């Protein structure tokens, strides 16, 4: 009696993930790094402080000019 072979199910090979060797993906990876995020937040706070300092300076200059004009 001949031995019957089971039918094998043809499976699709899993699509390989690209290694992402492009420059864009490298830059994205760098920009997502925690150190970059911390630096960005510190820069934003420094910009806010600078804007506030400029306003204070402008007010002081205005006051000094007013005092000199009298």
PDB file of N, CA and C in Angstrom:
ATOM      1  N   UNK A   1       0.822  -1.175   0.000  1.00  0.00           N
ATOM      2  CA  UNK A   1       0.000   0.000   0.000  1.00  0.00           C
ATOM      3  C   UNK A   1       0.880   1.258   0.000  1.00  0.00           C
ATOM      4  N   UNK A   2       0.637   2.198  -0.946  1.00  0.00           N
ATOM      5  CA  UNK A   2       1.483   3.399  -1.016  1.00  0.00           C
ATOM      6  C   UNK A   2       1.214   4.368   0.133  1.00  0.00           C
ATOM      7  N   UNK A   3       2.253   5.042   0.562  1.00  0.00           N
ATOM      8  CA  UNK A   3       2.125   6.009   1.663  1.00  0.00           C
ATOM      9  C   UNK A   3       1.680   7.346   1.083  1.00  0.00           C
ATOM     10  N   UNK A   4       0.599   7.875   1.676  1.00  0.00           N
ATOM     11  CA  UNK A   4       0.076   9.155   1.192  1.00  0.00           C
ATOM     12  C   UNK A   4       0.800  10.300   1.896  1.00  0.00           C
ATOM     13  N   UNK A   5       1.204  11.277   1.099  1.00  0.00           N
ATOM     14  CA  UNK A   5       1.857  12.450   1.670  1.00  0.00           C
ATOM     15  C   UNK A   5       0.795  13.493   1.988  1.00  0.00           C
ATOM     16  N   UNK A   6       0.977  14.145   3.132  1.00  0.00           N
ATOM     17  CA  UNK A   6       0.077  15.233   3.481  1.00  0.00           C
ATOM     18  C   UNK A   6       0.394  16.437   2.606  1.00  0.00           C
ATOM     19  N   UNK A   7      -0.646  17.164   2.250  1.00  0.00           N
ATOM     20  CA  UNK A   7      -0.413  18.376   1.479  1.00  0.00           C
ATOM     21  C   UNK A   7       0.177  19.439   2.393  1.00  0.00           C
ATOM     22  N   UNK A   8       1.245  20.015   1.940  1.00  0.00           N
ATOM     23  CA  UNK A   8       1.867  21.072   2.743  1.00  0.00           C
ATOM     24  C   UNK A   8       1.218  22.409   2.385  1.00  0.00           C
ATOM     25  N   UNK A   9       0.967  23.176   3.429  1.00  0.00           N
ATOM     26  CA  UNK A   9       0.362  24.484   3.233  1.00  0.00           C
ATOM     27  C   UNK A   9       1.476  25.458   2.879  1.00  0.00           C
ATOM     28  N   UNK A  10       1.295  26.137   1.755  1.00  0.00           N
ATOM     29  CA  UNK A  10       2.305  27.118   1.357  1.00  0.00           C
ATOM     30  C   UNK A  10       2.075  28.394   2.156  1.00  0.00           C
ATOM     31  N   UNK A  11       3.097  28.783   2.875  1.00  0.00           N
ATOM     32  CA  UNK A  11       2.996  29.992   3.682  1.00  0.00           C
ATOM     33  C   UNK A  11       3.797  31.105   3.025  1.00  0.00           C
ATOM     34  N   UNK A  12       3.248  32.313   3.138  1.00  0.00           N
ATOM     35  CA  UNK A  12       3.970  33.455   2.597  1.00  0.00           C
ATOM     36  C   UNK A  12       5.117  33.785   3.551  1.00  0.00           C
ATOM     37  N   UNK A  13       6.225  34.091   2.982  1.00  0.00           N
ATOM     38  CA  UNK A  13       7.354  34.469   3.834  1.00  0.00           C
ATOM     39  C   UNK A  13       7.081  35.842   4.422  1.00  0.00           C
ATOM     40  N   UNK A  14       7.474  35.998   5.650  1.00  0.00           N
ATOM     41  CA  UNK A  14       7.250  37.269   6.341  1.00  0.00           C
ATOM     42  C   UNK A  14       8.075  38.356   5.678  1.00  0.00           C
ATOM     43  N   UNK A  15       7.439  39.492   5.507  1.00  0.00           N
ATOM     44  CA  UNK A  15       8.131  40.607   4.870  1.00  0.00           C
ATOM     45  C   UNK A  15       9.204  41.124   5.828  1.00  0.00           C
ATOM     46  N   UNK A  16      10.396  41.226   5.323  1.00  0.00           N
ATOM     47  CA  UNK A  16      11.497  41.693   6.161  1.00  0.00           C
ATOM     48  C   UNK A  16      11.375  43.177   6.419  1.00  0.00           C
ATOM     49  N   UNK A  17      11.652  43.556   7.637  1.00  0.00           N
ATOM     50  CA  UNK A  17      11.652  44.981   7.969  1.00  0.00           C
ATOM     51  C   UNK A  17      12.906  45.603   7.393  1.00  0.00           C
ATOM     52  N   UNK A  18      12.728  46.786   6.847  1.00  0.00           N
ATOM     53  CA  UNK A  18      13.908  47.459   6.322  1.00  0.00           C
ATOM     54  C   UNK A  18      14.750  47.947   7.504  1.00  0.00           C
ATOM     55  N   UNK A  19      15.998  47.951   7.318  1.00  0.00           N
ATOM     56  CA  UNK A  19      16.898  48.367   8.386  1.00  0.00           C
ATOM     57  C   UNK A  19      16.834  49.863   8.627  1.00  0.00           C
ATOM     58  N   UNK A  20      16.222  50.575   7.716  1.00  0.00           N
ATOM     59  CA  UNK A  20      16.108  52.018   7.891  1.00  0.00           C
ATOM     60  C   UNK A  20      17.466  52.681   7.814  1.00  0.00           C
ATOM     61  N   UNK A  21      18.186  52.355   6.779  1.00  0.00           N
ATOM     62  CA  UNK A  21      19.549  52.874   6.683  1.00  0.00           C
ATOM     63  C   UNK A  21      19.592  54.242   6.000  1.00  0.00           C
ATOM     64  N   UNK A  22      18.434  54.865   5.854  1.00  0.00           N
ATOM     65  CA  UNK A  22      18.436  56.175   5.204  1.00  0.00           C
ATOM     66  C   UNK A  22      18.806  57.254   6.210  1.00  0.00           C
ATOM     67  N   UNK A  23      19.232  58.367   5.701  1.00  0.00           N
ATOM     68  CA  UNK A  23      19.641  59.476   6.564  1.00  0.00           C
ATOM     69  C   UNK A  23      18.439  60.011   7.331  1.00  0.00           C
ATOM     70  N   UNK A  24      17.293  60.063   6.663  1.00  0.00           N
ATOM     71  CA  UNK A  24      16.075  60.572   7.303  1.00  0.00           C
ATOM     72  C   UNK A  24      15.684  59.770   8.523  1.00  0.00           C
ATOM     73  N   UNK A  25      15.763  58.451   8.416  1.00  0.00           N
ATOM     74  CA  UNK A  25      15.400  57.614   9.563  1.00  0.00           C
ATOM     75  C   UNK A  25      16.401  57.787  10.698  1.00  0.00           C
ATOM     76  N   UNK A  26      17.648  57.994  10.354  1.00  0.00           N
ATOM     77  CA  UNK A  26      18.688  58.222  11.365  1.00  0.00           C
ATOM     78  C   UNK A  26      18.424  59.525  12.112  1.00  0.00           C
ATOM     79  N   UNK A  27      18.054  60.552  11.360  1.00  0.00           N
ATOM     80  CA  UNK A  27      17.767  61.849  11.974  1.00  0.00           C
ATOM     81  C   UNK A  27      16.540  61.742  12.877  1.00  0.00           C
ATOM     82  N   UNK A  28      15.508  61.038  12.404  1.00  0.00           N
ATOM     83  CA  UNK A  28      14.295  60.852  13.217  1.00  0.00           C
ATOM     84  C   UNK A  28      14.635  60.138  14.520  1.00  0.00           C
ATOM     85  N   UNK A  29      15.461  59.120  14.410  1.00  0.00           N
ATOM     86  CA  UNK A  29      15.876  58.363  15.592  1.00  0.00           C
ATOM     87  C   UNK A  29      16.604  59.268  16.579  1.00  0.00           C
ATOM     88  N   UNK A  30      17.484  60.119  16.063  1.00  0.00           N
ATOM     89  CA  UNK A  30      18.211  61.045  16.932  1.00  0.00           C
ATOM     90  C   UNK A  30      17.278  62.049  17.596  1.00  0.00           C
ATOM     91  N   UNK A  31      16.307  62.553  16.834  1.00  0.00           N
ATOM     92  CA  UNK A  31      15.413  63.582  17.357  1.00  0.00           C
ATOM     93  C   UNK A  31      14.477  63.037  18.433  1.00  0.00           C
ATOM     94  N   UNK A  32      14.268  61.727  18.432  1.00  0.00           N
ATOM     95  CA  UNK A  32      13.402  61.116  19.444  1.00  0.00           C
ATOM     96  C   UNK A  32      14.151  60.791  20.732  1.00  0.00           C
ATOM     97  N   UNK A  33      15.435  60.987  20.727  1.00  0.00           N
ATOM     98  CA  UNK A  33      16.255  60.658  21.901  1.00  0.00           C
ATOM     99  C   UNK A  33      15.884  61.564  23.074  1.00  0.00           C
ATOM    100  N   UNK A  34      15.896  61.026  24.289  1.00  0.00           N
ATOM    101  CA  UNK A  34      15.526  61.812  25.471  1.00  0.00           C
ATOM    102  C   UNK A  34      16.404  63.043  25.690  1.00  0.00           C
ATOM    103  N   UNK A  35      17.679  62.931  25.387  1.00  0.00           N
ATOM    104  CA  UNK A  35      18.588  64.065  25.594  1.00  0.00           C
ATOM    105  C   UNK A  35      18.201  65.238  24.701  1.00  0.00           C
ATOM    106  N   UNK A  36      17.768  64.945  23.490  1.00  0.00           N
ATOM    107  CA  UNK A  36      17.366  65.997  22.553  1.00  0.00           C
ATOM    108  C   UNK A  36      16.106  66.687  23.074  1.00  0.00           C
ATOM    109  N   UNK A  37      15.183  65.886  23.610  1.00  0.00           N
ATOM    110  CA  UNK A  37      13.942  66.459  24.147  1.00  0.00           C
ATOM    111  C   UNK A  37      14.241  67.368  25.342  1.00  0.00           C
ATOM    112  N   UNK A  38      15.157  66.929  26.204  1.00  0.00           N
ATOM    113  CA  UNK A  38      15.533  67.751  27.359  1.00  0.00           C
ATOM    114  C   UNK A  38      16.171  69.052  26.903  1.00  0.00           C
ATOM    115  N   UNK A  39      17.037  68.961  25.914  1.00  0.00           N
ATOM    116  CA  UNK A  39      17.696  70.162  25.395  1.00  0.00           C
ATOM    117  C   UNK A  39      16.672  71.112  24.787  1.00  0.00           C
ATOM    118  N   UNK A  40      15.709  70.568  24.088  1.00  0.00           N
ATOM    119  CA  UNK A  40      14.683  71.401  23.457  1.00  0.00           C
ATOM    120  C   UNK A  40      13.856  72.139  24.504  1.00  0.00           C
ATOM    121  N   UNK A  41      13.495  71.446  25.591  1.00  0.00           N
ATOM    122  CA  UNK A  41      12.702  72.103  26.633  1.00  0.00           C
ATOM    123  C   UNK A  41      13.520  73.171  27.347  1.00  0.00           C
ATOM    124  N   UNK A  42      14.801  72.901  27.563  1.00  0.00           N
ATOM    125  CA  UNK A  42      15.635  73.909  28.229  1.00  0.00           C
ATOM    126  C   UNK A  42      15.819  75.130  27.340  1.00  0.00           C
ATOM    127  N   UNK A  43      15.934  74.923  26.037  1.00  0.00           N
ATOM    128  CA  UNK A  43      16.055  76.050  25.105  1.00  0.00           C
ATOM    129  C   UNK A  43      14.777  76.884  25.118  1.00  0.00           C
ATOM    130  N   UNK A  44      13.636  76.203  25.155  1.00  0.00           N
ATOM    131  CA  UNK A  44      12.354  76.926  25.180  1.00  0.00           C
ATOM    132  C   UNK A  44      12.224  77.773  26.448  1.00  0.00           C
ATOM    133  N   UNK A  45      12.635  77.216  27.579  1.00  0.00           N
ATOM    134  CA  UNK A  45      12.543  77.993  28.826  1.00  0.00           C
ATOM    135  C   UNK A  45      13.500  79.181  28.798  1.00  0.00           C
ATOM    136  N   UNK A  46      14.683  78.979  28.231  1.00  0.00           N
ATOM    137  CA  UNK A  46      15.631  80.085  28.113  1.00  0.00           C
ATOM    138  C   UNK A  46      15.094  81.185  27.198  1.00  0.00           C
ATOM    139  N   UNK A  47      14.414  80.787  26.135  1.00  0.00           N
ATOM    140  CA  UNK A  47      13.822  81.783  25.231  1.00  0.00           C
ATOM    141  C   UNK A  47      12.739  82.591  25.944  1.00  0.00           C
ATOM    142  N   UNK A  48      11.960  81.918  26.787  1.00  0.00           N
ATOM    143  CA  UNK A  48      10.920  82.624  27.553  1.00  0.00           C
ATOM    144  C   UNK A  48      11.562  83.617  28.515  1.00  0.00           C
ATOM    145  N   UNK A  49      12.630  83.193  29.185  1.00  0.00           N
ATOM    146  CA  UNK A  49      13.333  84.083  30.115  1.00  0.00           C
ATOM    147  C   UNK A  49      13.923  85.286  29.384  1.00  0.00           C
ATOM    148  N   UNK A  50      14.471  85.033  28.193  1.00  0.00           N
ATOM    149  CA  UNK A  50      15.048  86.113  27.402  1.00  0.00           C
ATOM    150  C   UNK A  50      13.983  87.127  26.997  1.00  0.00           C
ATOM    151  N   UNK A  51      12.821  86.635  26.578  1.00  0.00           N
ATOM    152  CA  UNK A  51      11.727  87.532  26.186  1.00  0.00           C
ATOM    153  C   UNK A  51      11.291  88.382  27.376  1.00  0.00           C
ATOM    154  N   UNK A  52      11.203  87.756  28.554  1.00  0.00           N
ATOM    155  CA  UNK A  52      10.810  88.490  29.761  1.00  0.00           C
ATOM    156  C   UNK A  52      11.859  89.548  30.115  1.00  0.00           C
ATOM    157  N   UNK A  53      13.125  89.195  29.990  1.00  0.00           N
ATOM    158  CA  UNK A  53      14.212  90.133  30.292  1.00  0.00           C
ATOM    159  C   UNK A  53      14.187  91.322  29.329  1.00  0.00           C
ATOM    160  N   UNK A  54      13.886  91.045  28.062  1.00  0.00           N
ATOM    161  CA  UNK A  54      13.808  92.126  27.071  1.00  0.00           C
ATOM    162  C   UNK A  54      12.684  93.098  27.416  1.00  0.00           C
ATOM    163  N   UNK A  55      11.552  92.555  27.874  1.00  0.00           N
ATOM    164  CA  UNK A  55      10.431  93.409  28.264  1.00  0.00           C
ATOM    165  C   UNK A  55      10.817  94.290  29.457  1.00  0.00           C
ATOM    166  N   UNK A  56      11.480  93.697  30.438  1.00  0.00           N
ATOM    167  CA  UNK A  56      11.907  94.443  31.628  1.00  0.00           C
ATOM    168  C   UNK A  56      12.897  95.545  31.230  1.00  0.00           C
ATOM    169  N   UNK A  57      13.830  95.197  30.333  1.00  0.00           N
ATOM    170  CA  UNK A  57      14.824  96.170  29.878  1.00  0.00           C
ATOM    171  C   UNK A  57      14.142  97.318  29.134  1.00  0.00           C
ATOM    172  N   UNK A  58      13.186  96.980  28.283  1.00  0.00           N
ATOM    173  CA  UNK A  58      12.478  98.013  27.522  1.00  0.00           C
ATOM    174  C   UNK A  58      11.731  98.960  28.459  1.00  0.00           C
ATOM    175  N   UNK A  59      11.134  98.395  29.497  1.00  0.00           N
ATOM    176  CA  UNK A  59      10.421  99.227  30.476  1.00  0.00           C
ATOM    177  C   UNK A  59      11.393 100.139  31.227  1.00  0.00           C
ATOM    178  N   UNK A  60      12.555  99.608  31.588  1.00  0.00           N
ATOM    179  CA  UNK A  60      13.559 100.395  32.309  1.00  0.00           C
ATOM    180  C   UNK A  60      14.096 101.529  31.437  1.00  0.00           C
ATOM    181  N   UNK A  61      14.328 101.240  30.169  1.00  0.00           N
ATOM    182  CA  UNK A  61      14.820 102.267  29.246  1.00  0.00           C
ATOM    183  C   UNK A  61      13.781 103.367  29.084  1.00  0.00           C
ATOM    184  N   UNK A  62      12.531 102.950  28.958  1.00  0.00           N
ATOM    185  CA  UNK A  62      11.439 103.915  28.804  1.00  0.00           C
ATOM    186  C   UNK A  62      11.351 104.839  30.023  1.00  0.00           C
ATOM    187  N   UNK A  63      11.486 104.236  31.202  1.00  0.00           N
ATOM    188  CA  UNK A  63      11.419 104.997  32.453  1.00  0.00           C
ATOM    189  C   UNK A  63      12.604 105.965  32.558  1.00  0.00           C
ATOM    190  N   UNK A  64      13.812 105.481  32.171  1.00  0.00           N
ATOM    191  CA  UNK A  64      15.013 106.313  32.243  1.00  0.00           C
ATOM    192  C   UNK A  64      14.932 107.481  31.266  1.00  0.00           C
ATOM    193  N   UNK A  65      14.429 107.243  30.067  1.00  0.00           N
ATOM    194  CA  UNK A  65      14.288 108.319  29.075  1.00  0.00           C
ATOM    195  C   UNK A  65      13.287 109.383  29.556  1.00  0.00           C
ATOM    196  N   UNK A  66      12.222 108.876  30.187  1.00  0.00           N
ATOM    197  CA  UNK A  66      11.207 109.797  30.708  1.00  0.00           C
ATOM    198  C   UNK A  66      11.802 110.683  31.804  1.00  0.00           C
ATOM    199  N   UNK A  67      12.643 110.065  32.665  1.00  0.00           N
ATOM    200  CA  UNK A  67      13.279 110.798  33.749  1.00  0.00           C
ATOM    201  C   UNK A  67      14.281 111.826  33.211  1.00  0.00           C
ATOM    202  N   UNK A  68      14.999 111.484  32.137  1.00  0.00           N
ATOM    203  CA  UNK A  68      15.990 112.383  31.559  1.00  0.00           C
ATOM    204  C   UNK A  68      15.333 113.564  30.819  1.00  0.00           C
ATOM    205  N   UNK A  69      14.163 113.327  30.251  1.00  0.00           N
ATOM    206  CA  UNK A  69      13.511 114.375  29.481  1.00  0.00           C
ATOM    207  C   UNK A  69      12.926 115.489  30.361  1.00  0.00           C
ATOM    208  N   UNK A  70      12.745 115.201  31.648  1.00  0.00           N
ATOM    209  CA  UNK A  70      12.166 116.219  32.540  1.00  0.00           C
ATOM    210  C   UNK A  70      13.140 117.290  32.912  1.00  0.00           C
TER     211      UNK A  70
END
